[in-house]
C-alpha atoms as a PDB file:
ATOM      1  CA  MET A   1      31.312  31.349 -18.541  1.00  0.00           C
ATOM      2  CA  LYS A   2      32.234  28.358 -16.362  1.00  0.00           C
ATOM      3  CA  GLN A   3      29.628  29.434 -13.818  1.00  0.00           C
ATOM      4  CA  ARG A   4      26.907  29.657 -16.484  1.00  0.00           C
ATOM      5  CA  ILE A   5      27.855  26.244 -17.854  1.00  0.00           C
ATOM      6  CA  SER A   6      27.838  24.824 -14.346  1.00  0.00           C
ATOM      7  CA  ASP A   7      24.419  26.316 -13.611  1.00  0.00           C
ATOM      8  CA  LYS A   8      22.976  24.498 -16.624  1.00  0.00           C
ATOM      9  CA  ASP A   9      23.889  21.211 -14.943  1.00  0.00           C
ATOM     10  CA  LYS A  10      21.960  22.106 -11.790  1.00  0.00           C
ATOM     11  CA  LEU A  11      18.305  21.248 -11.247  1.00  0.00           C
ATOM     12  CA  LYS A  12      15.639  22.172  -8.751  1.00  0.00           C
ATOM     13  CA  ILE A  13      14.408  18.762  -7.600  1.00  0.00           C
ATOM     14  CA  GLY A  14      11.414  18.153  -5.382  1.00  0.00           C
ATOM     15  CA  ILE A  15      11.345  14.837  -3.512  1.00  0.00           C
ATOM     16  CA  VAL A  16       7.935  13.459  -2.570  1.00  0.00           C
ATOM     17  CA  GLY A  17       8.443  10.928   0.222  1.00  0.00           C
ATOM     18  CA  PHE A  18      11.347  11.914   2.433  1.00  0.00           C
ATOM     19  CA  GLY A  19      11.869   8.597   4.174  1.00  0.00           C
ATOM     20  CA  THR A  20      15.089   6.581   4.263  1.00  0.00           C
ATOM     21  CA  PHE A  21      15.506   6.320   0.503  1.00  0.00           C
ATOM     22  CA  GLY A  22      14.444   9.917  -0.173  1.00  0.00           C
ATOM     23  CA  GLN A  23      17.034  11.175   2.309  1.00  0.00           C
ATOM     24  CA  PHE A  24      19.626   8.833   0.808  1.00  0.00           C
ATOM     25  CA  LEU A  25      19.182  10.399  -2.650  1.00  0.00           C
ATOM     26  CA  ALA A  26      18.875  13.957  -1.298  1.00  0.00           C
ATOM     27  CA  LYS A  27      22.318  13.845   0.323  1.00  0.00           C
ATOM     28  CA  ARG A  28      24.015  12.990  -2.976  1.00  0.00           C
ATOM     29  CA  LEU A  29      21.950  15.479  -4.962  1.00  0.00           C
ATOM     30  CA  VAL A  30      22.807  18.314  -2.587  1.00  0.00           C
ATOM     31  CA  ALA A  31      26.475  17.299  -2.637  1.00  0.00           C
ATOM     32  CA  ARG A  32      26.402  17.625  -6.437  1.00  0.00           C
ATOM     33  CA  GLY A  33      25.064  21.158  -6.169  1.00  0.00           C
ATOM     34  CA  HIS A  34      21.392  20.549  -7.025  1.00  0.00           C
ATOM     35  CA  GLN A  35      18.712  22.487  -5.174  1.00  0.00           C
ATOM     36  CA  VAL A  36      16.493  20.035  -3.319  1.00  0.00           C
ATOM     37  CA  ILE A  37      13.120  20.559  -1.677  1.00  0.00           C
ATOM     38  CA  ALA A  38      11.059  17.813  -0.050  1.00  0.00           C
ATOM     39  CA  THR A  39       7.668  16.909   1.345  1.00  0.00           C
ATOM     40  CA  SER A  40       6.352  13.884   3.202  1.00  0.00           C
ATOM     41  CA  ARG A  41       3.565  12.722   5.491  1.00  0.00           C
ATOM     42  CA  SER A  42       5.895  12.684   8.502  1.00  0.00           C
ATOM     43  CA  PRO A  43       7.636  15.816   9.820  1.00  0.00           C
ATOM     44  CA  TYR A  44      11.281  15.762   8.707  1.00  0.00           C
ATOM     45  CA  GLU A  45      12.172  19.434   9.108  1.00  0.00           C
ATOM     46  CA  ASP A  46      15.203  18.832  11.340  1.00  0.00           C
ATOM     47  CA  ILE A  47      16.659  16.077   9.178  1.00  0.00           C
ATOM     48  CA  ALA A  48      16.077  18.114   6.012  1.00  0.00           C
ATOM     49  CA  ARG A  49      17.775  21.139   7.498  1.00  0.00           C
ATOM     50  CA  LYS A  50      20.877  19.139   8.391  1.00  0.00           C
ATOM     51  CA  ILE A  51      21.101  17.762   4.850  1.00  0.00           C
ATOM     52  CA  GLY A  52      20.580  21.149   3.240  1.00  0.00           C
ATOM     53  CA  VAL A  53      17.044  20.510   1.977  1.00  0.00           C
ATOM     54  CA  ASP A  54      14.089  22.909   2.173  1.00  0.00           C
ATOM     55  CA  TYR A  55      11.175  21.014   3.696  1.00  0.00           C
ATOM     56  CA  PHE A  56       7.466  21.689   3.117  1.00  0.00           C
ATOM     57  CA  GLN A  57       4.833  19.853   5.095  1.00  0.00           C
ATOM     58  CA  ASP A  58       2.046  21.343   2.988  1.00  0.00           C
ATOM     59  CA  LEU A  59       1.700  19.900  -0.531  1.00  0.00           C
ATOM     60  CA  ASP A  60       0.404  23.165  -1.983  1.00  0.00           C
ATOM     61  CA  ASP A  61       3.424  25.055  -0.700  1.00  0.00           C
ATOM     62  CA  PHE A  62       5.667  22.347  -2.109  1.00  0.00           C
ATOM     63  CA  CYS A  63       4.161  22.519  -5.607  1.00  0.00           C
ATOM     64  CA  GLU A  64       4.158  26.320  -5.644  1.00  0.00           C
ATOM     65  CA  GLU A  65       7.941  26.172  -5.386  1.00  0.00           C
ATOM     66  CA  HIS A  66       7.788  24.894  -9.001  1.00  0.00           C
ATOM     67  CA  PRO A  67      10.501  22.217  -8.964  1.00  0.00           C
ATOM     68  CA  GLU A  68      11.765  21.270 -12.412  1.00  0.00           C
ATOM     69  CA  VAL A  69      11.790  17.608 -11.403  1.00  0.00           C
ATOM     70  CA  VAL A  70       9.339  15.863  -9.058  1.00  0.00           C
ATOM     71  CA  LEU A  71      10.948  12.690  -7.761  1.00  0.00           C
ATOM     72  CA  LEU A  72       8.517  10.150  -6.313  1.00  0.00           C
ATOM     73  CA  ALA A  73      10.282   8.273  -3.507  1.00  0.00           C
ATOM     74  CA  SER A  74       7.270   7.093  -1.509  1.00  0.00           C
ATOM     75  CA  SER A  75       6.664   3.416  -0.769  1.00  0.00           C
ATOM     76  CA  ILE A  76       5.227   1.200  -3.483  1.00  0.00           C
ATOM     77  CA  LEU A  77       1.988   0.629  -1.593  1.00  0.00           C
ATOM     78  CA  SER A  78       1.338   4.342  -0.997  1.00  0.00           C
ATOM     79  CA  THR A  79       2.458   5.755  -4.358  1.00  0.00           C
ATOM     80  CA  GLU A  80      -0.982   5.836  -5.952  1.00  0.00           C
ATOM     81  CA  LYS A  81      -2.538   7.615  -2.974  1.00  0.00           C
ATOM     82  CA  VAL A  82       0.344  10.101  -2.758  1.00  0.00           C
ATOM     83  CA  LEU A  83       0.211  10.924  -6.460  1.00  0.00           C
ATOM     84  CA  ARG A  84      -3.536  11.535  -6.415  1.00  0.00           C
ATOM     85  CA  SER A  85      -3.191  13.852  -3.417  1.00  0.00           C
ATOM     86  CA  LEU A  86      -0.555  15.968  -5.156  1.00  0.00           C
ATOM     87  CA  PRO A  87      -1.961  19.303  -6.516  1.00  0.00           C
ATOM     88  CA  VAL A  88      -0.375  18.853  -9.948  1.00  0.00           C
ATOM     89  CA  GLN A  89      -2.227  21.918 -11.270  1.00  0.00           C
ATOM     90  CA  ARG A  90       0.072  24.106  -9.164  1.00  0.00           C
ATOM     91  CA  LEU A  91       3.171  22.773 -10.935  1.00  0.00           C
ATOM     92  CA  LYS A  92       4.532  23.921 -14.257  1.00  0.00           C
ATOM     93  CA  ARG A  93       2.806  22.093 -17.069  1.00  0.00           C
ATOM     94  CA  ASN A  94       6.017  20.581 -18.462  1.00  0.00           C
ATOM     95  CA  THR A  95       7.344  19.335 -15.105  1.00  0.00           C
ATOM     96  CA  LEU A  96       9.414  16.144 -15.264  1.00  0.00           C
ATOM     97  CA  PHE A  97       8.093  13.343 -13.044  1.00  0.00           C
ATOM     98  CA  VAL A  98      10.560  10.631 -12.054  1.00  0.00           C
ATOM     99  CA  ASP A  99       9.788   7.527 -10.037  1.00  0.00           C
ATOM    100  CA  VAL A 100      12.425   5.391  -8.329  1.00  0.00           C
ATOM    101  CA  LEU A 101      10.260   2.446  -7.288  1.00  0.00           C
ATOM    102  CA  SER A 102      11.565  -1.107  -7.259  1.00  0.00           C
ATOM    103  CA  VAL A 103       8.802  -2.220  -9.648  1.00  0.00           C
ATOM    104  CA  LYS A 104       8.278  -0.483 -12.952  1.00  0.00           C
ATOM    105  CA  VAL A 105       5.183  -1.495 -14.919  1.00  0.00           C
ATOM    106  CA  PHE A 106       2.882  -0.374 -12.108  1.00  0.00           C
ATOM    107  CA  PRO A 107       4.239   3.217 -11.788  1.00  0.00           C
ATOM    108  CA  LYS A 108       4.522   3.535 -15.558  1.00  0.00           C
ATOM    109  CA  GLN A 109       0.834   2.780 -16.022  1.00  0.00           C
ATOM    110  CA  LEU A 110      -0.083   4.903 -13.003  1.00  0.00           C
ATOM    111  CA  LEU A 111       1.787   8.000 -14.179  1.00  0.00           C
ATOM    112  CA  LEU A 112       0.445   7.733 -17.711  1.00  0.00           C
ATOM    113  CA  ARG A 113      -3.097   7.444 -16.344  1.00  0.00           C
ATOM    114  CA  GLU A 114      -3.035  10.084 -13.612  1.00  0.00           C
ATOM    115  CA  LEU A 115      -0.803  12.847 -15.003  1.00  0.00           C
ATOM    116  CA  PRO A 116      -1.806  15.355 -17.702  1.00  0.00           C
ATOM    117  CA  PRO A 117      -0.379  14.624 -21.167  1.00  0.00           C
ATOM    118  CA  GLU A 118       1.962  17.645 -21.211  1.00  0.00           C
ATOM    119  CA  VAL A 119       3.937  16.321 -18.215  1.00  0.00           C
ATOM    120  CA  ASP A 120       7.212  14.464 -18.892  1.00  0.00           C
ATOM    121  CA  ILE A 121       7.685  10.989 -17.398  1.00  0.00           C
ATOM    122  CA  LEU A 122      10.897   9.123 -16.635  1.00  0.00           C
ATOM    123  CA  CYS A 123      10.674   5.724 -14.910  1.00  0.00           C
ATOM    124  CA  SER A 124      13.865   4.674 -13.170  1.00  0.00           C
ATOM    125  CA  HIS A 125      15.214   2.248 -10.616  1.00  0.00           C
ATOM    126  CA  PRO A 126      18.509   2.683  -8.791  1.00  0.00           C
ATOM    127  CA  MET A 127      19.428  -0.961  -8.202  1.00  0.00           C
ATOM    128  CA  PHE A 128      20.895  -0.159  -4.794  1.00  0.00           C
ATOM    129  CA  GLY A 129      19.920   1.434  -1.515  1.00  0.00           C
ATOM    130  CA  PRO A 130      21.274   3.011   1.669  1.00  0.00           C
ATOM    131  CA  ASP A 131      23.061  -0.215   2.649  1.00  0.00           C
ATOM    132  CA  SER A 132      24.455  -1.434  -0.666  1.00  0.00           C
ATOM    133  CA  GLY A 133      25.134   2.133  -1.858  1.00  0.00           C
ATOM    134  CA  LYS A 134      26.394   3.735   1.349  1.00  0.00           C
ATOM    135  CA  GLY A 135      29.864   4.076  -0.168  1.00  0.00           C
ATOM    136  CA  SER A 136      30.661   4.613  -3.810  1.00  0.00           C
ATOM    137  CA  TRP A 137      27.994   4.113  -6.480  1.00  0.00           C
ATOM    138  CA  ALA A 138      30.620   3.141  -9.045  1.00  0.00           C
ATOM    139  CA  GLY A 139      29.525   0.103 -11.040  1.00  0.00           C
ATOM    140  CA  LEU A 140      26.048  -0.045  -9.487  1.00  0.00           C
ATOM    141  CA  ASN A 141      23.213  -0.444 -11.972  1.00  0.00           C
ATOM    142  CA  PHE A 142      20.752   2.356 -12.682  1.00  0.00           C
ATOM    143  CA  MET A 143      17.818   1.321 -14.902  1.00  0.00           C
ATOM    144  CA  TYR A 144      15.632   3.874 -16.696  1.00  0.00           C
ATOM    145  CA  GLU A 145      13.039   4.277 -19.447  1.00  0.00           C
ATOM    146  CA  LYS A 146      12.122   7.599 -21.078  1.00  0.00           C
ATOM    147  CA  VAL A 147       8.400   6.942 -21.048  1.00  0.00           C
ATOM    148  CA  ARG A 148       7.267  10.348 -22.317  1.00  0.00           C
ATOM    149  CA  ILE A 149       9.526  13.298 -23.026  1.00  0.00           C
ATOM    150  CA  GLY A 150       8.277  16.363 -24.925  1.00  0.00           C
ATOM    151  CA  ALA A 151       9.951  17.255 -28.217  1.00  0.00           C
ATOM    152  CA  ASP A 152      11.719  20.299 -26.856  1.00  0.00           C
ATOM    153  CA  PRO A 153      15.503  20.782 -26.514  1.00  0.00           C
ATOM    154  CA  LYS A 154      15.122  22.201 -22.993  1.00  0.00           C
ATOM    155  CA  ARG A 155      13.041  19.255 -21.822  1.00  0.00           C
ATOM    156  CA  GLU A 156      15.398  16.767 -23.414  1.00  0.00           C
ATOM    157  CA  ARG A 157      18.374  18.514 -21.802  1.00  0.00           C
ATOM    158  CA  ARG A 158      16.621  18.408 -18.427  1.00  0.00           C
ATOM    159  CA  VAL A 159      16.243  14.622 -18.638  1.00  0.00           C
ATOM    160  CA  GLU A 160      19.857  14.205 -19.665  1.00  0.00           C
ATOM    161  CA  THR A 161      20.981  16.442 -16.791  1.00  0.00           C
ATOM    162  CA  PHE A 162      19.078  14.294 -14.322  1.00  0.00           C
ATOM    163  CA  LEU A 163      20.561  11.089 -15.762  1.00  0.00           C
ATOM    164  CA  LYS A 164      24.003  12.712 -15.782  1.00  0.00           C
ATOM    165  CA  PHE A 165      23.853  12.928 -11.988  1.00  0.00           C
ATOM    166  CA  PHE A 166      23.814   9.125 -11.709  1.00  0.00           C
ATOM    167  CA  ARG A 167      26.320   8.758 -14.535  1.00  0.00           C
ATOM    168  CA  ASP A 168      28.744  11.117 -12.783  1.00  0.00           C
ATOM    169  CA  GLU A 169      28.353   9.082  -9.582  1.00  0.00           C
ATOM    170  CA  GLY A 170      29.733   6.110 -11.522  1.00  0.00           C
ATOM    171  CA  CYS A 171      26.515   4.176 -12.037  1.00  0.00           C
ATOM    172  CA  ASN A 172      26.187   1.647 -14.832  1.00  0.00           C
ATOM    173  CA  MET A 173      23.375   3.187 -16.894  1.00  0.00           C
ATOM    174  CA  VAL A 174      20.940   0.556 -18.214  1.00  0.00           C
ATOM    175  CA  GLU A 175      18.168   1.715 -20.535  1.00  0.00           C
ATOM    176  CA  MET A 176      15.353  -0.828 -20.874  1.00  0.00           C
ATOM    177  CA  THR A 177      11.573  -1.012 -20.870  1.00  0.00           C
ATOM    178  CA  CYS A 178       9.667  -1.246 -17.620  1.00  0.00           C
ATOM    179  CA  GLU A 179       8.185  -4.549 -18.752  1.00  0.00           C
ATOM    180  CA  GLU A 180      11.607  -6.094 -19.308  1.00  0.00           C
ATOM    181  CA  HIS A 181      12.794  -4.735 -15.970  1.00  0.00           C
ATOM    182  CA  ASP A 182       9.995  -6.465 -14.057  1.00  0.00           C
ATOM    183  CA  ARG A 183      10.596  -9.725 -15.888  1.00  0.00           C
ATOM    184  CA  GLN A 184      14.269  -9.756 -14.946  1.00  0.00           C
ATOM    185  CA  ALA A 185      13.836  -8.273 -11.472  1.00  0.00           C
ATOM    186  CA  ALA A 186      11.466 -11.077 -10.467  1.00  0.00           C
ATOM    187  CA  SER A 187      14.321 -13.578 -10.765  1.00  0.00           C
ATOM    188  CA  THR A 188      16.963 -11.278  -9.251  1.00  0.00           C
ATOM    189  CA  GLN A 189      15.642  -8.746  -6.782  1.00  0.00           C
ATOM    190  CA  PHE A 190      12.513 -10.561  -5.577  1.00  0.00           C
ATOM    191  CA  ILE A 191      14.255 -13.928  -5.173  1.00  0.00           C
ATOM    192  CA  THR A 192      17.154 -12.222  -3.383  1.00  0.00           C
ATOM    193  CA  HIS A 193      14.781 -10.576  -0.912  1.00  0.00           C
ATOM    194  CA  THR A 194      12.843 -13.831  -0.465  1.00  0.00           C
ATOM    195  CA  VAL A 195      15.923 -15.904   0.338  1.00  0.00           C
ATOM    196  CA  GLY A 196      17.222 -13.179   2.633  1.00  0.00           C
ATOM    197  CA  ARG A 197      13.953 -13.032   4.568  1.00  0.00           C
ATOM    198  CA  VAL A 198      13.725 -16.828   4.832  1.00  0.00           C
ATOM    199  CA  LEU A 199      17.237 -16.982   6.262  1.00  0.00           C
ATOM    200  CA  GLY A 200      16.412 -14.057   8.533  1.00  0.00           C
ATOM    201  CA  THR A 201      13.417 -15.970   9.870  1.00  0.00           C
ATOM    202  CA  MET A 202      15.827 -18.797  10.726  1.00  0.00           C
ATOM    203  CA  GLN A 203      17.698 -16.268  12.913  1.00  0.00           C
ATOM    204  CA  LEU A 204      21.146 -17.089  11.593  1.00  0.00           C
ATOM    205  CA  ARG A 205      23.947 -15.949  13.886  1.00  0.00           C
ATOM    206  CA  SER A 206      27.642 -15.407  13.332  1.00  0.00           C
ATOM    207  CA  THR A 207      29.895 -18.151  14.737  1.00  0.00           C
ATOM    208  CA  GLU A 208      33.575 -18.572  15.550  1.00  0.00           C
ATOM    209  CA  ILE A 209      34.074 -20.720  12.455  1.00  0.00           C
ATOM    210  CA  ASN A 210      32.283 -18.714   9.759  1.00  0.00           C
ATOM    211  CA  THR A 211      33.102 -19.553   6.161  1.00  0.00           C
ATOM    212  CA  LYS A 212      33.167 -16.963   3.382  1.00  0.00           C
ATOM    213  CA  GLY A 213      29.926 -18.390   2.044  1.00  0.00           C
ATOM    214  CA  PHE A 214      28.226 -18.075   5.414  1.00  0.00           C
ATOM    215  CA  GLU A 215      29.478 -14.494   5.747  1.00  0.00           C
ATOM    216  CA  ALA A 216      27.868 -13.748   2.381  1.00  0.00           C
ATOM    217  CA  LEU A 217      24.577 -15.191   3.652  1.00  0.00           C
ATOM    218  CA  LEU A 218      24.746 -13.029   6.787  1.00  0.00           C
ATOM    219  CA  ASN A 219      25.330  -9.955   4.618  1.00  0.00           C
ATOM    220  CA  LEU A 220      22.337 -10.921   2.488  1.00  0.00           C
ATOM    221  CA  VAL A 221      20.167 -11.223   5.596  1.00  0.00           C
ATOM    222  CA  ASN A 222      21.294  -7.822   6.863  1.00  0.00           C
ATOM    223  CA  ASN A 223      20.781  -6.063   3.516  1.00  0.00           C
ATOM    224  CA  THR A 224      17.317  -7.465   2.889  1.00  0.00           C
ATOM    225  CA  ASN A 225      15.909  -7.384   6.404  1.00  0.00           C
ATOM    226  CA  ASN A 226      16.892  -3.750   6.880  1.00  0.00           C
ATOM    227  CA  ASP A 227      14.286  -2.921   4.245  1.00  0.00           C
ATOM    228  CA  SER A 228      10.702  -2.780   5.425  1.00  0.00           C
ATOM    229  CA  PHE A 229       8.338  -5.680   4.873  1.00  0.00           C
ATOM    230  CA  GLU A 230       6.157  -3.149   3.035  1.00  0.00           C
ATOM    231  CA  LEU A 231       8.856  -2.874   0.371  1.00  0.00           C
ATOM    232  CA  TYR A 232       9.158  -6.653   0.087  1.00  0.00           C
ATOM    233  CA  TYR A 233       5.388  -7.061  -0.114  1.00  0.00           C
ATOM    234  CA  GLY A 234       5.300  -4.409  -2.833  1.00  0.00           C
ATOM    235  CA  LEU A 235       7.842  -6.376  -4.861  1.00  0.00           C
ATOM    236  CA  PHE A 236       5.484  -9.336  -4.685  1.00  0.00           C
ATOM    237  CA  LEU A 237       2.155  -7.560  -5.132  1.00  0.00           C
ATOM    238  CA  TYR A 238       3.043  -5.193  -7.972  1.00  0.00           C
ATOM    239  CA  ASN A 239       5.215  -7.476 -10.092  1.00  0.00           C
ATOM    240  CA  GLN A 240       3.114 -10.024 -11.942  1.00  0.00           C
ATOM    241  CA  ASN A 241       6.196 -12.215 -12.470  1.00  0.00           C
ATOM    242  CA  ALA A 242       6.876 -12.619  -8.745  1.00  0.00           C
ATOM    243  CA  THR A 243       4.310 -15.389  -8.213  1.00  0.00           C
ATOM    244  CA  ASP A 244       5.879 -17.539 -10.934  1.00  0.00           C
ATOM    245  CA  GLU A 245       9.332 -17.094  -9.401  1.00  0.00           C
ATOM    246  CA  LEU A 246       8.018 -17.982  -5.953  1.00  0.00           C
ATOM    247  CA  GLU A 247       6.541 -21.218  -7.325  1.00  0.00           C
ATOM    248  CA  ARG A 248       9.818 -22.025  -9.090  1.00  0.00           C
ATOM    249  CA  LEU A 249      11.667 -21.501  -5.814  1.00  0.00           C
ATOM    250  CA  GLU A 250       9.299 -23.860  -3.996  1.00  0.00           C
ATOM    251  CA  GLN A 251       9.646 -26.514  -6.721  1.00  0.00           C
ATOM    252  CA  ALA A 252      13.434 -26.229  -6.644  1.00  0.00           C
ATOM    253  CA  PHE A 253      13.471 -26.663  -2.860  1.00  0.00           C
ATOM    254  CA  ASP A 254      11.193 -29.715  -3.116  1.00  0.00           C
ATOM    255  CA  THR A 255      13.469 -31.222  -5.780  1.00  0.00           C
ATOM    256  CA  VAL A 256      16.580 -30.840  -3.640  1.00  0.00           C
ATOM    257  CA  LYS A 257      14.717 -32.154  -0.595  1.00  0.00           C
ATOM    258  CA  LYS A 258      13.598 -35.262  -2.497  1.00  0.00           C
ATOM    259  CA  GLN A 259      17.157 -35.873  -3.678  1.00  0.00           C
ATOM    260  CA  LEU A 260      18.404 -35.779  -0.090  1.00  0.00           C
ATOM    261  CA  PHE A 261      15.743 -38.080   1.316  1.00  0.00           C
ATOM    262  CA  GLY A 262      15.924 -40.340  -1.735  1.00  0.00           C
ATOM    263  CA  ARG A 263      19.635 -40.901  -1.129  1.00  0.00           C
ATOM    264  CA  LEU A 264      18.949 -41.497   2.561  1.00  0.00           C
ATOM    265  CA  HIS A 265      16.280 -44.068   1.639  1.00  0.00           C
ATOM    266  CA  ASP A 266      18.735 -45.949  -0.598  1.00  0.00           C
ATOM    267  CA  ILE A 267      21.323 -46.099   2.186  1.00  0.00           C
ATOM    268  CA  ALA A 268      18.737 -47.422   4.633  1.00  0.00           C
ATOM    269  CA  ARG A 269      17.667 -50.180   2.216  1.00  0.00           C
ATOM    270  CA  GLN A 270      21.266 -51.260   1.666  1.00  0.00           C
ATOM    271  CA  GLN A 271      21.701 -51.624   5.421  1.00  0.00           C
ATOM    272  CA  LEU A 272      18.477 -53.627   5.783  1.00  0.00           C
ATOM    273  CA  PHE A 273      19.108 -55.804   2.727  1.00  0.00           C
ATOM    274  CA  PRO A 274      22.891 -56.340   2.326  1.00  0.00           C
ATOM    275  CA  THR A 275      24.210 -57.440  -1.077  1.00  0.00           C
ATOM    276  CA  VAL A 276      26.466 -60.386  -1.980  1.00  0.00           C
ATOM    277  CA  ASP A 277      28.703 -61.382  -4.884  1.00  0.00           C
ATOM    278  CA  THR A 278      26.571 -63.751  -6.965  1.00  0.00           C
ATOM    279  CA  ALA A 279      29.206 -64.343  -9.615  1.00  0.00           C
ATOM    280  CA  GLY A 280      31.726 -65.670  -7.097  1.00  0.00           C
ATOM    281  CA  ASN A 281      34.635 -64.441  -9.190  1.00  0.00           C
ATOM    282  CA  GLY A 282      35.608 -61.524  -6.954  1.00  0.00           C
ATOM    283  CA  ASN A 283      34.702 -58.909  -9.539  1.00  0.00           C
ATOM    284  CA  GLY A 284      32.498 -57.067  -7.083  1.00  0.00           C
ATOM    285  CA  ALA A 285      29.208 -57.746  -8.880  1.00  0.00           C
ATOM    286  CA  LEU A 286      26.650 -57.469  -6.128  1.00  0.00           C
ATOM    287  CA  ALA A 287      23.114 -58.790  -5.984  1.00  0.00           C
ATOM    288  CA  PRO A 288      20.542 -59.205  -3.224  1.00  0.00           C
ATOM    289  CA  ALA A 289      21.261 -62.197  -0.965  1.00  0.00           C
ATOM    290  CA  PRO A 290      18.959 -65.174  -1.727  1.00  0.00           C
ATOM    291  CA  GLN A 291      16.172 -65.723   0.759  1.00  0.00           C
ATOM    292  CA  ALA A 292      15.607 -69.164   2.383  1.00  0.00           C
ATOM    293  CA  LEU A 293      12.395 -70.593   0.866  1.00  0.00           C
ATOM    294  CA  PRO A 294      10.333 -73.451   2.402  1.00  0.00           C
ATOM    295  CA  PRO A 295      10.624 -76.867   0.662  1.00  0.00           C
ATOM    296  CA  PRO A 296       7.991 -77.498  -2.040  1.00  0.00           C
ATOM    297  CA  ARG A 297       5.028 -79.701  -1.204  1.00  0.00           C
ATOM    298  CA  GLU A 298       4.730 -83.220  -2.660  1.00  0.00           C
ATOM    299  CA  PRO A 299       2.167 -83.253  -5.478  1.00  0.00           C
ATOM    300  CA  LEU A 300      -1.001 -85.274  -4.865  1.00  0.00           C
ATOM    301  CA  ALA A 301      -1.559 -88.085  -7.377  1.00  0.00           C
ATOM    302  CA  LEU A 302      -5.287 -88.047  -7.912  1.00  0.00           C
ATOM    303  CA  PRO A 303      -6.617 -91.246  -9.572  1.00  0.00           C
ATOM    304  CA  SER A 304      -8.756 -90.985 -12.691  1.00  0.00           C
ATOM    305  CA  ARG A 305     -12.184 -92.563 -12.462  1.00  0.00           C
ATOM    306  CA  SER A 306     -13.693 -94.625 -15.334  1.00  0.00           C
ATOM    307  CA  ARG A 307     -17.330 -94.609 -16.365  1.00  0.00           C
ATOM    308  CA  ASP A 308     -18.113 -97.670 -14.232  1.00  0.00           C
ATOM    309  CA  GLY A 309     -16.738 -96.027 -11.110  1.00  0.00           C
ATOM    310  CA  VAL A 310     -13.492 -98.011 -11.030  1.00  0.00           C
ATOM    311  CA  GLU A 311     -10.196 -96.097 -11.080  1.00  0.00           C
ATOM    312  CA  SER A 312      -8.094 -96.984 -14.055  1.00  0.00           C
ATOM    313  CA  GLY A 313      -4.779 -98.564 -13.243  1.00  0.00           C
ATOM    314  CA  SER A 314      -6.011 -99.537  -9.785  1.00  0.00           C
ATOM    315  CA  ALA A 315      -5.635-103.107  -8.520  1.00  0.00           C
ATOM    316  CA  ALA A 316      -8.515-102.993  -6.041  1.00  0.00           C
ATOM    317  CA  PRO A 317     -11.596-100.764  -6.010  1.00  0.00           C
ATOM    318  CA  THR A 318     -11.554-100.679  -2.188  1.00  0.00           C
ATOM    319  CA  GLU A 319      -8.056 -99.142  -2.126  1.00  0.00           C
ATOM    320  CA  ALA A 320      -9.103 -96.451  -4.619  1.00  0.00           C
ATOM    321  CA  TYR A 321     -12.203 -95.728  -2.574  1.00  0.00           C
ATOM    322  CA  SER A 322     -10.113 -95.465   0.584  1.00  0.00           C
ATOM    323  CA  ALA A 323      -7.663 -93.100  -1.097  1.00  0.00           C
ATOM    324  CA  SER A 324     -10.465 -90.836  -2.396  1.00  0.00           C
ATOM    325  CA  LYS A 325     -12.020 -90.633   1.038  1.00  0.00           C
ATOM    326  CA  THR A 326      -8.691 -89.678   2.513  1.00  0.00           C
ATOM    327  CA  ILE A 327      -8.344 -86.857  -0.005  1.00  0.00           C
ATOM    328  CA  ASP A 328     -11.881 -85.625   0.753  1.00  0.00           C
ATOM    329  CA  VAL A 329     -11.072 -85.506   4.391  1.00  0.00           C
END
């Protein structure tokens, strides 16, 4: 009885895309007793054999093994091409398709468009990878959305068995829509990868006087730069919220930069134009030092001329004439 109950918790899972992440998941699945088969563009027979996975280079042979679950673990950029090349007609009609891409709206729309309506669809995202999840998965987030599951107890149990694998590994199970995932991931995952790659471009190196904060930055650089640029580019290209977050990051950097140089400008002005105490009472009220101005010019007293040509108030016309000539000159 225990053996029969245990067998119900085991699935035959086919992994499409047996790269780093596909191998990472396969090891845990095999350790939990699931039967795993795999296929990929590159030959991974030796690696698969060591893990305990049956490997099929030919897609037709892979599909004719009739896995209960087809897990898409290819790169974001190649997922559409891989899915279209898969001979789905050789699979069972109620096969469960699961994607584990880092973006969610794109695969959701792709699977709904390309797969026949009788196929079940589960979109998921393990929010960790070979580096961050190389130890325990306890407390690590696993996001999922049951996009399309047939109204059949066996099909519903199959989905729950697949999710139970991550739950038993200690993951924090987060059920949300793919749209909400992409909105939140743009300000968490994409920004994290962006900052990590920017710091990686700066070629930060460990020093003899590292602080805890600097150690955290080095860990961020290592975790993000170990992933391929193809993954990072996919996070940008296939998440419509990524562009907005990138612009917000640029604006935030410009704001901080202006604050720094603005403070520097104020200090420079204070050094060029020192301040003094204008009140003279020692209360520290400072004002710009007065500048030495040139003495004002003496006003010119221009005489007023009467109708007959003689200045009023003048004793002698010749003196007035002489004064007016001097002014003209």
